[in-house]
Amino acid sequence: MSPAGVELGLAGLRDLDQILELENASFGDDAYGRSVFLFRMATDRDGFIVARREGRVVGYVLAIRRGRDALIMSIAVLSEFKRKGVGTALMKAALAQLARFERVFLQVDVANEAAINFYRKFGFAETGKVHPRYYPNGHDAMEMAREL
């Protein structure tokens, strides 16, 4: 049992509707759709980890392979479970799954200081690469990376 009484496990089809609800609540117009998650369940299953509490999905992380590198494609936690260690448990689990890779990358909204600080806790640093107007709200995405 992890923080906040959650259990971590691989995402499955039974989780899909709850993952989509969480994704939409977390990212709104920038949310990934059902087909993206179905594809990733088929191709990157070992990097698609959910946190469940009493059968309910309260968070997930999706990490995908990119050659010798990996990408944290998305991480989200239900608002009532934030700052309770769920995101930390998910990120630790994802990084453990990715240990065989050389680097892990991610993109983050340049205005999301809380997320940037969260990633820094895990050794991610800015690469200097910025994707202008990456998000639907017009914000830029900053690339961060961590050597493994």
Protein backbone atom coordinates (compact mmCIF):
# COMPACT_ATOMS: atom_id res chain seq x y z
CA MET A 1 0.00 0.00 0.00
CA SER A 2 1.40 3.37 -1.06
CA PRO A 3 0.69 6.85 0.32
CA ALA A 4 -2.93 7.88 0.82
CA GLY A 5 -3.92 4.20 0.89
CA VAL A 6 -3.43 3.65 -2.84
CA GLU A 7 -2.17 0.59 -4.68
CA LEU A 8 -0.08 0.89 -7.83
CA GLY A 9 -0.53 -1.40 -10.80
CA LEU A 10 -0.47 -1.53 -14.57
CA ALA A 11 -3.33 0.20 -16.36
CA GLY A 12 -5.89 -2.05 -17.97
CA LEU A 13 -9.00 -1.73 -20.09
CA ARG A 14 -11.17 -1.74 -16.96
CA ASP A 15 -9.43 1.51 -15.93
CA LEU A 16 -9.89 3.33 -19.22
CA ASP A 17 -13.09 5.27 -18.48
CA GLN A 18 -11.73 6.47 -15.13
CA ILE A 19 -8.40 7.43 -16.71
CA LEU A 20 -10.25 9.46 -19.34
CA GLU A 21 -12.29 11.24 -16.65
CA LEU A 22 -9.09 12.07 -14.77
CA GLU A 23 -7.36 13.17 -17.98
CA ASN A 24 -10.22 15.50 -18.93
CA ALA A 25 -10.47 16.94 -15.41
CA SER A 26 -6.71 17.55 -15.34
CA PHE A 27 -6.02 18.81 -18.85
CA GLY A 28 -9.31 20.01 -20.36
CA ASP A 29 -8.79 21.05 -23.99
CA ASP A 30 -5.31 19.47 -23.95
CA ALA A 31 -6.56 16.04 -22.85
CA TYR A 32 -5.58 12.90 -24.73
CA GLY A 33 -8.45 10.86 -26.16
CA ARG A 34 -9.49 7.23 -25.80
CA SER A 35 -7.57 6.08 -28.89
CA VAL A 36 -4.28 7.44 -27.52
CA PHE A 37 -4.67 5.55 -24.26
CA LEU A 38 -5.77 2.35 -26.01
CA PHE A 39 -2.71 2.52 -28.27
CA ARG A 40 -0.40 3.11 -25.31
CA MET A 41 -1.94 0.24 -23.34
CA ALA A 42 -1.06 -2.00 -26.28
CA THR A 43 2.44 -0.62 -26.97
CA ASP A 44 3.77 0.71 -23.65
CA ARG A 45 1.87 -1.30 -21.06
CA ASP A 46 4.78 -1.60 -18.62
CA GLY A 47 5.06 2.20 -18.45
CA PHE A 48 1.34 2.86 -17.95
CA ILE A 49 0.84 2.78 -14.20
CA VAL A 50 -2.29 3.65 -12.23
CA ALA A 51 -2.85 4.42 -8.57
CA ARG A 52 -6.09 2.91 -7.25
CA ARG A 53 -7.91 3.43 -4.00
CA GLU A 54 -10.73 1.03 -3.27
CA GLY A 55 -10.91 0.18 -6.99
CA ARG A 56 -11.07 3.81 -8.10
CA VAL A 57 -8.31 5.28 -10.30
CA VAL A 58 -6.94 8.31 -8.45
CA GLY A 59 -3.84 8.88 -10.56
CA TYR A 60 -1.77 7.59 -13.44
CA VAL A 61 1.55 8.04 -15.18
CA LEU A 62 2.26 7.14 -18.78
CA ALA A 63 5.88 6.62 -19.81
CA ILE A 64 6.80 5.60 -23.35
CA ARG A 65 9.94 4.36 -25.08
CA ARG A 66 11.78 6.49 -27.62
CA GLY A 67 14.79 4.45 -28.77
CA ARG A 68 17.38 4.56 -25.99
CA ASP A 69 15.43 7.34 -24.28
CA ALA A 70 11.99 7.49 -22.70
CA LEU A 71 9.32 10.13 -22.34
CA ILE A 72 6.96 10.83 -19.47
CA MET A 73 3.98 11.47 -21.72
CA SER A 74 1.49 12.32 -18.98
CA ILE A 75 0.97 12.19 -15.23
CA ALA A 76 -2.19 13.19 -13.39
CA VAL A 77 -3.65 12.85 -9.90
CA LEU A 78 -7.21 13.58 -8.76
CA SER A 79 -7.30 16.94 -6.99
CA GLU A 80 -8.32 15.43 -3.62
CA PHE A 81 -5.25 13.16 -3.71
CA LYS A 82 -2.70 15.82 -4.62
CA ARG A 83 0.05 16.58 -2.11
CA LYS A 84 -0.51 13.21 -0.43
CA GLY A 85 2.36 11.34 -2.06
CA VAL A 86 0.40 9.76 -4.91
CA GLY A 87 2.24 11.66 -7.66
CA THR A 88 5.56 10.88 -5.99
CA ALA A 89 4.73 7.17 -5.81
CA LEU A 90 3.69 7.17 -9.48
CA MET A 91 6.84 8.98 -10.62
CA LYS A 92 9.09 6.64 -8.61
CA ALA A 93 7.35 3.64 -10.16
CA ALA A 94 7.71 5.05 -13.67
CA LEU A 95 11.40 5.85 -13.19
CA ALA A 96 11.99 2.33 -11.87
CA GLN A 97 10.37 0.93 -15.04
CA LEU A 98 12.57 3.20 -17.16
CA ALA A 99 15.88 2.40 -15.45
CA ARG A 100 17.21 0.58 -18.53
CA PHE A 101 17.05 3.73 -20.65
CA GLU A 102 19.71 6.45 -20.91
CA ARG A 103 17.48 9.51 -20.41
CA VAL A 104 13.92 10.44 -19.63
CA PHE A 105 12.34 13.55 -21.12
CA LEU A 106 9.10 15.40 -20.50
CA GLN A 107 7.41 18.64 -21.49
CA VAL A 108 5.82 20.99 -19.00
CA ASP A 109 3.93 24.26 -19.28
CA VAL A 110 6.43 27.05 -18.57
CA ALA A 111 3.79 28.67 -16.33
CA ASN A 112 3.24 25.54 -14.20
CA GLU A 113 5.75 26.22 -11.43
CA ALA A 114 4.32 23.49 -9.17
CA ALA A 115 4.89 20.84 -11.83
CA ILE A 116 8.37 22.16 -12.65
CA ASN A 117 9.34 21.97 -8.97
CA PHE A 118 7.84 18.47 -8.72
CA TYR A 119 9.98 17.28 -11.64
CA ARG A 120 13.09 18.93 -10.22
CA LYS A 121 12.61 16.82 -7.06
CA PHE A 122 13.28 13.78 -9.25
CA GLY A 123 16.41 15.17 -10.84
CA PHE A 124 14.86 16.60 -14.00
CA ALA A 125 16.52 19.76 -15.32
CA GLU A 126 15.66 22.18 -18.09
CA THR A 127 17.31 21.26 -21.40
CA GLY A 128 16.95 24.75 -22.84
CA LYS A 129 14.56 23.51 -25.51
CA VAL A 130 11.21 25.31 -25.62
CA HIS A 131 8.22 24.43 -27.80
CA PRO A 132 6.45 27.74 -28.54
CA ARG A 133 2.66 27.83 -28.12
CA TYR A 134 2.62 24.07 -27.47
CA TYR A 135 -0.54 24.07 -25.36
CA PRO A 136 -4.06 25.09 -26.47
CA ASN A 137 -3.92 28.01 -24.02
CA GLY A 138 -0.99 29.43 -26.02
CA HIS A 139 1.63 28.67 -23.35
CA ASP A 140 5.03 27.36 -24.28
CA ALA A 141 6.25 23.93 -23.23
CA MET A 142 9.65 23.61 -21.64
CA GLU A 143 11.57 20.37 -22.10
CA MET A 144 13.13 18.78 -19.03
CA ALA A 145 15.33 15.70 -18.88
CA ARG A 146 16.95 13.36 -16.41
CA GLU A 147 19.89 11.05 -17.03
CA LEU A 148 19.34 7.52 -15.77
